[in-house]
Amino acid sequence: MKPHPQLWLLVAGTVAPIAVFAVVAALLLVRHERQSLERDAIGRARAAMTAVDAHLRGSIVSLETLAASKSLEAGDIAAFHEESQRVLRTQPGWMNIGLASAAKVQLSDAVYVFGKPAQFSAGDESFEAVLRGAKAAIGGVMAGSAVRSPTARVRVPVIHGGEVRYVVSAPLNPKHFADLLQAQRLPEDWVIGLVDREKRMMARIPAVPPGTPASDSFREAIEREPEGWFYGRTMEGRATYTSYVTSQLSGWVLGIAIPAATVESEARRIFAILGAGALCACAAAALLAWLIAGRISR
């Protein structure tokens, strides 16, 4: 017996509100799951940036101790050069210790034997910041005259008589930052990267050469807000959702990119369950309509 059309309308009117409620509930659940994932991802980025900041602060403290050397107070550059070589051997996170005058003359490099003043490499904004009175400054990724591979430098002033007499600098080893990122133990298909204020890579996993520009979507997100979550593509072209935070100490940005498929898998699972439930509900409603039509006919 074919159910009467009005019976179908009755069934549809009963099932429709339930279906609408289920869809709304599913959308709210997906939104909640996405927000939870976003909070967790930003939290992981903050934890990783905390490790980076701790290394930078340690470097600043060590350089400030070195800048208080009696050799510099006496103007004995040769003695300071020997002292800086001893200190450099205890700092695996540094690639050199350089000393420059406020007049931008390179006086000493711990990686070389002591000799005549060398050519001063083109300084970045961090050198100028120290000359203007900053207690310490962290530069961007760039090559230098002593350390020619791109890296960032920590700089502190040597002040005598109320004026900056020298600037002590330490180029940072990018491998040390790569080790810090590796220690986060992220899944293999995730990406984690650390960029300077000019959006150039200091370290990244999977690895790229230091100084490589960040992806376009990452750069655009940083320019919009200092911290957040966005959908974009990695350097390799993979679709990802990325959480990122900016360090107040250095101005560097750390981002963690999660494959879009991983983020969206929960939504697909929820809607798959919803779709299966809707099909079962429709089948049950159709069977019920058929049974009711049979009873009415009899």
Protein backbone atom coordinates (compact mmCIF):
# COMPACT_ATOMS: atom_id res chain seq x y z
CA MET A 1 0.00 0.00 0.00
CA LYS A 2 1.42 3.36 -1.05
CA PRO A 3 1.28 5.92 1.80
CA HIS A 4 -0.94 8.92 1.27
CA PRO A 5 0.95 12.20 0.43
CA GLN A 6 -0.42 13.80 3.59
CA LEU A 7 1.14 11.00 5.59
CA TRP A 8 4.50 11.81 3.99
CA LEU A 9 4.01 15.45 4.98
CA LEU A 10 3.33 14.37 8.55
CA VAL A 11 6.50 12.29 8.63
CA ALA A 12 8.55 15.08 7.05
CA GLY A 13 7.17 17.60 9.53
CA THR A 14 8.21 15.32 12.37
CA VAL A 15 11.71 14.55 11.06
CA ALA A 16 12.63 18.04 9.79
CA PRO A 17 12.94 19.78 13.20
CA ILE A 18 15.09 16.94 14.48
CA ALA A 19 17.31 17.15 11.40
CA VAL A 20 17.69 20.93 11.74
CA PHE A 21 18.54 20.60 15.42
CA ALA A 22 21.13 17.92 14.63
CA VAL A 23 22.79 20.07 11.96
CA VAL A 24 22.95 23.09 14.28
CA ALA A 25 24.35 20.93 17.09
CA ALA A 26 26.95 19.47 14.74
CA LEU A 27 28.02 22.94 13.57
CA LEU A 28 28.38 24.13 17.15
CA LEU A 29 30.38 21.02 18.04
CA VAL A 30 32.69 21.53 15.05
CA ARG A 31 33.16 25.17 16.02
CA HIS A 32 33.98 24.21 19.60
CA GLU A 33 36.48 21.55 18.48
CA ARG A 34 38.13 24.01 16.11
CA GLN A 35 38.43 26.66 18.83
CA SER A 36 39.90 24.11 21.24
CA LEU A 37 42.46 23.05 18.64
CA GLU A 38 43.32 26.69 17.94
CA ARG A 39 43.87 27.41 21.66
CA ASP A 40 46.02 24.32 22.07
CA ALA A 41 48.09 25.17 18.98
CA ILE A 42 48.71 28.75 20.13
CA GLY A 43 49.63 27.39 23.56
CA ARG A 44 52.23 25.10 21.98
CA ALA A 45 53.62 28.01 19.99
CA ARG A 46 53.91 30.10 23.17
CA ALA A 47 55.71 27.26 24.96
CA ALA A 48 58.21 26.93 22.10
CA MET A 49 58.77 30.69 22.00
CA THR A 50 59.41 30.65 25.76
CA ALA A 51 62.31 28.25 25.14
CA VAL A 52 63.66 30.56 22.41
CA ASP A 53 63.38 33.62 24.66
CA ALA A 54 65.16 31.78 27.48
CA HIS A 55 68.13 31.13 25.18
CA LEU A 56 68.19 34.76 24.05
CA ARG A 57 68.04 36.05 27.62
CA GLY A 58 70.86 33.72 28.60
CA SER A 59 72.96 35.07 25.73
CA ILE A 60 72.24 38.66 26.78
CA VAL A 61 73.27 37.98 30.39
CA SER A 62 76.49 36.27 29.28
CA LEU A 63 77.36 39.13 26.93
CA GLU A 64 76.63 41.72 29.62
CA THR A 65 79.03 39.88 31.93
CA LEU A 66 81.67 39.89 29.21
CA ALA A 67 81.04 43.58 28.49
CA ALA A 68 81.96 44.35 32.11
CA SER A 69 85.49 43.02 31.49
CA LYS A 70 88.30 44.97 33.13
CA SER A 71 90.22 44.67 29.86
CA LEU A 72 87.64 46.81 28.08
CA GLU A 73 87.60 49.29 30.91
CA ALA A 74 91.35 49.65 30.47
CA GLY A 75 91.08 49.71 26.68
CA ASP A 76 93.25 46.57 26.37
CA ILE A 77 91.70 45.03 23.24
CA ALA A 78 94.33 42.26 22.98
CA ALA A 79 93.54 41.02 26.49
CA PHE A 80 89.81 41.17 25.75
CA HIS A 81 90.36 39.16 22.58
CA GLU A 82 91.96 36.34 24.58
CA GLU A 83 89.16 36.50 27.12
CA SER A 84 86.49 36.37 24.41
CA GLN A 85 88.12 33.28 22.88
CA ARG A 86 87.93 31.50 26.23
CA VAL A 87 84.27 32.49 26.65
CA LEU A 88 83.37 31.42 23.11
CA ARG A 89 84.53 27.86 23.84
CA THR A 90 81.92 27.68 26.62
CA GLN A 91 79.05 28.94 24.44
CA PRO A 92 77.92 26.32 21.88
CA GLY A 93 75.02 28.57 20.91
CA TRP A 94 77.38 31.31 19.64
CA MET A 95 79.42 31.38 16.44
CA ASN A 96 81.70 34.29 17.33
CA ILE A 97 82.23 37.14 19.77
CA GLY A 98 82.88 40.44 18.05
CA LEU A 99 83.93 43.78 19.42
CA ALA A 100 83.33 47.02 17.53
CA SER A 101 83.89 50.62 18.48
CA ALA A 102 81.07 53.14 18.60
CA ALA A 103 82.68 54.62 15.49
CA LYS A 104 81.97 51.31 13.70
CA VAL A 105 85.48 49.90 13.56
CA GLN A 106 85.74 46.13 14.05
CA LEU A 107 88.39 45.69 16.75
CA SER A 108 88.24 41.98 17.55
CA ASP A 109 86.72 38.67 16.39
CA ALA A 110 87.17 35.66 18.62
CA VAL A 111 87.18 33.27 15.65
CA TYR A 112 90.32 34.95 14.25
CA VAL A 113 93.76 35.60 15.66
CA PHE A 114 94.16 39.08 17.06
CA GLY A 115 95.43 41.58 14.53
CA LYS A 116 94.67 44.93 13.02
CA PRO A 117 91.12 46.34 13.08
CA ALA A 118 89.06 44.58 10.43
CA GLN A 119 86.37 45.78 8.06
CA PHE A 120 83.12 46.51 9.85
CA SER A 121 80.21 44.57 8.40
CA ALA A 122 77.09 46.49 7.49
CA GLY A 123 75.29 46.76 10.81
CA ASP A 124 71.59 46.11 11.22
CA GLU A 125 69.15 48.11 13.31
CA SER A 126 70.26 46.31 16.48
CA PHE A 127 73.70 47.98 16.36
CA GLU A 128 72.11 51.41 15.99
CA ALA A 129 69.67 50.62 18.81
CA VAL A 130 72.55 49.88 21.18
CA LEU A 131 74.28 53.13 20.18
CA ARG A 132 71.05 55.00 20.93
CA GLY A 133 70.98 53.64 24.47
CA ALA A 134 69.32 50.22 24.41
CA LYS A 135 70.63 47.92 27.15
CA ALA A 136 70.64 45.03 24.66
CA ALA A 137 69.37 44.42 21.15
CA ILE A 138 68.67 41.39 18.98
CA GLY A 139 69.19 41.74 15.26
CA GLY A 140 67.73 40.12 12.21
CA VAL A 141 69.14 37.31 10.10
CA MET A 142 72.04 38.57 7.98
CA ALA A 143 75.58 37.67 6.91
CA GLY A 144 78.61 39.33 8.46
CA SER A 145 82.29 39.77 7.70
CA ALA A 146 83.56 37.22 10.24
CA VAL A 147 80.56 34.85 10.19
CA ARG A 148 79.52 34.87 6.56
CA SER A 149 76.56 32.52 6.85
CA PRO A 150 73.24 34.28 7.62
CA THR A 151 72.43 34.41 11.32
CA ALA A 152 71.15 36.83 13.95
CA ARG A 153 73.24 38.71 16.49
CA VAL A 154 72.79 39.67 20.12
CA ARG A 155 74.46 42.98 20.98
CA VAL A 156 75.17 44.81 24.23
CA PRO A 157 76.93 48.15 24.82
CA VAL A 158 80.10 48.79 26.78
CA ILE A 159 79.53 52.10 28.54
CA HIS A 160 82.24 54.20 30.13
CA GLY A 161 81.83 57.78 31.28
CA GLY A 162 78.15 57.69 30.41
CA GLU A 163 78.86 57.03 26.72
CA VAL A 164 78.87 53.91 24.57
CA ARG A 165 82.51 53.11 23.88
CA TYR A 166 82.18 49.63 22.36
CA VAL A 167 79.53 47.14 21.23
CA VAL A 168 79.96 43.43 21.97
CA SER A 169 78.12 41.10 19.59
CA ALA A 170 77.51 37.36 19.43
CA PRO A 171 76.22 35.75 16.20
CA LEU A 172 73.81 32.99 17.24
CA ASN A 173 74.11 29.45 15.95
CA PRO A 174 70.96 28.59 13.92
CA LYS A 175 71.46 24.90 14.72
CA HIS A 176 70.82 25.62 18.39
CA PHE A 177 67.42 27.09 17.54
CA ALA A 178 66.68 24.15 15.24
CA ASP A 179 67.38 21.87 18.21
CA LEU A 180 64.97 23.90 20.34
CA LEU A 181 62.27 23.49 17.69
CA GLN A 182 63.03 19.78 17.33
CA ALA A 183 62.64 19.37 21.09
CA GLN A 184 58.94 20.30 20.74
CA ARG A 185 58.40 16.76 19.34
CA LEU A 186 55.67 17.71 16.89
CA PRO A 187 54.17 15.14 14.48
CA GLU A 188 56.28 14.55 11.38
CA ASP A 189 53.80 16.17 9.00
CA TRP A 190 53.65 19.41 11.02
CA VAL A 191 55.90 22.42 10.33
CA ILE A 192 57.49 24.71 12.92
CA GLY A 193 59.48 27.82 12.05
CA LEU A 194 61.14 30.84 13.68
CA VAL A 195 61.41 34.12 11.73
CA ASP A 196 62.97 37.48 12.54
CA ARG A 197 61.29 40.88 12.35
CA GLU A 198 61.91 40.99 8.61
CA LYS A 199 60.11 37.63 8.18
CA ARG A 200 63.31 35.74 7.35
CA MET A 201 63.82 32.22 8.64
CA MET A 202 66.20 31.70 11.56
CA ALA A 203 65.33 28.01 11.93
CA ARG A 204 62.68 25.67 10.58
CA ILE A 205 61.62 22.03 10.60
CA PRO A 206 61.60 20.77 7.86
CA ALA A 207 64.86 22.67 7.43
CA VAL A 208 65.49 25.55 5.03
CA PRO A 209 68.61 27.77 4.84
CA PRO A 210 68.65 30.62 7.42
CA GLY A 211 67.59 33.86 5.78
CA THR A 212 64.96 32.20 3.56
CA PRO A 213 61.83 34.41 3.36
CA ALA A 214 58.74 33.07 5.07
CA SER A 215 55.77 31.97 2.99
CA ASP A 216 53.46 34.68 1.66
CA SER A 217 50.52 33.62 3.83
CA PHE A 218 52.72 33.63 6.96
CA ARG A 219 54.05 37.11 6.16
CA GLU A 220 50.55 38.46 5.53
CA ALA A 221 49.24 37.04 8.80
CA ILE A 222 52.11 38.56 10.82
CA GLU A 223 51.46 41.96 9.25
CA ARG A 224 47.79 41.76 10.26
CA GLU A 225 48.25 40.74 13.90
CA PRO A 226 51.18 39.76 16.15
CA GLU A 227 49.46 36.57 17.30
CA GLY A 228 46.78 34.37 15.82
CA TRP A 229 45.62 31.46 13.71
CA PHE A 230 45.16 31.38 9.95
CA TYR A 231 44.62 29.14 6.96
CA GLY A 232 47.39 29.28 4.36
CA ARG A 233 50.08 27.35 2.56
CA THR A 234 53.63 26.43 3.50
CA MET A 235 56.71 27.02 1.33
CA GLU A 236 56.11 23.56 -0.11
CA GLY A 237 52.55 24.51 -1.10
CA ARG A 238 50.81 22.34 1.50
CA ALA A 239 47.48 23.59 2.88
CA THR A 240 47.76 24.17 6.64
CA TYR A 241 46.29 25.95 9.62
CA THR A 242 49.02 27.87 11.46
CA SER A 243 49.21 29.21 15.00
CA TYR A 244 51.83 31.87 15.65
CA VAL A 245 53.07 34.16 18.43
CA THR A 246 55.43 37.13 18.55
CA SER A 247 58.17 37.52 21.16
CA GLN A 248 58.13 40.80 23.07
CA LEU A 249 61.84 40.34 23.74
CA SER A 250 63.11 39.96 20.17
CA GLY A 251 60.17 40.70 17.88
CA TRP A 252 60.70 37.26 16.33
CA VAL A 253 57.70 35.15 15.38
CA LEU A 254 57.27 31.41 15.91
CA GLY A 255 54.66 29.52 13.92
CA ILE A 256 53.36 25.94 14.03
CA ALA A 257 51.59 24.76 10.87
CA ILE A 258 49.17 21.82 11.11
CA PRO A 259 48.01 20.03 7.93
CA ALA A 260 44.54 21.17 6.93
CA ALA A 261 43.47 17.53 6.57
CA THR A 262 44.30 16.94 10.25
CA VAL A 263 42.33 19.99 11.41
CA GLU A 264 39.34 19.23 9.20
CA SER A 265 39.22 15.48 9.89
CA GLU A 266 37.14 15.95 13.05
CA ALA A 267 34.56 18.01 11.15
CA ARG A 268 34.35 15.33 8.46
CA ARG A 269 33.88 12.65 11.09
CA ILE A 270 31.10 14.58 12.82
CA PHE A 271 29.22 15.23 9.57
CA ALA A 272 29.72 11.63 8.45
CA ILE A 273 28.04 10.47 11.67
CA LEU A 274 25.33 13.09 11.16
CA GLY A 275 24.74 11.94 7.57
CA ALA A 276 24.51 8.29 8.62
CA GLY A 277 22.09 9.22 11.38
CA ALA A 278 19.96 11.24 8.95
CA LEU A 279 19.77 8.31 6.52
CA CYS A 280 18.76 5.96 9.31
CA ALA A 281 16.12 8.43 10.51
CA CYS A 282 14.69 8.81 7.00
CA ALA A 283 14.63 5.05 6.49
CA ALA A 284 12.88 4.54 9.83
CA ALA A 285 10.37 7.30 8.98
CA ALA A 286 9.65 5.75 5.59
CA LEU A 287 9.13 2.33 7.17
CA LEU A 288 6.86 3.83 9.80
CA ALA A 289 4.83 5.62 7.12
CA TRP A 290 4.46 2.40 5.18
CA LEU A 291 3.28 0.50 8.29
CA ILE A 292 0.82 3.22 9.22
CA ALA A 293 -0.54 3.31 5.67
CA GLY A 294 -1.07 -0.46 5.83
CA ARG A 295 -2.98 -0.23 9.11
CA ILE A 296 -5.15 2.59 7.79
CA SER A 297 -5.90 0.59 4.65
CA ARG A 298 -6.94 -2.46 6.65
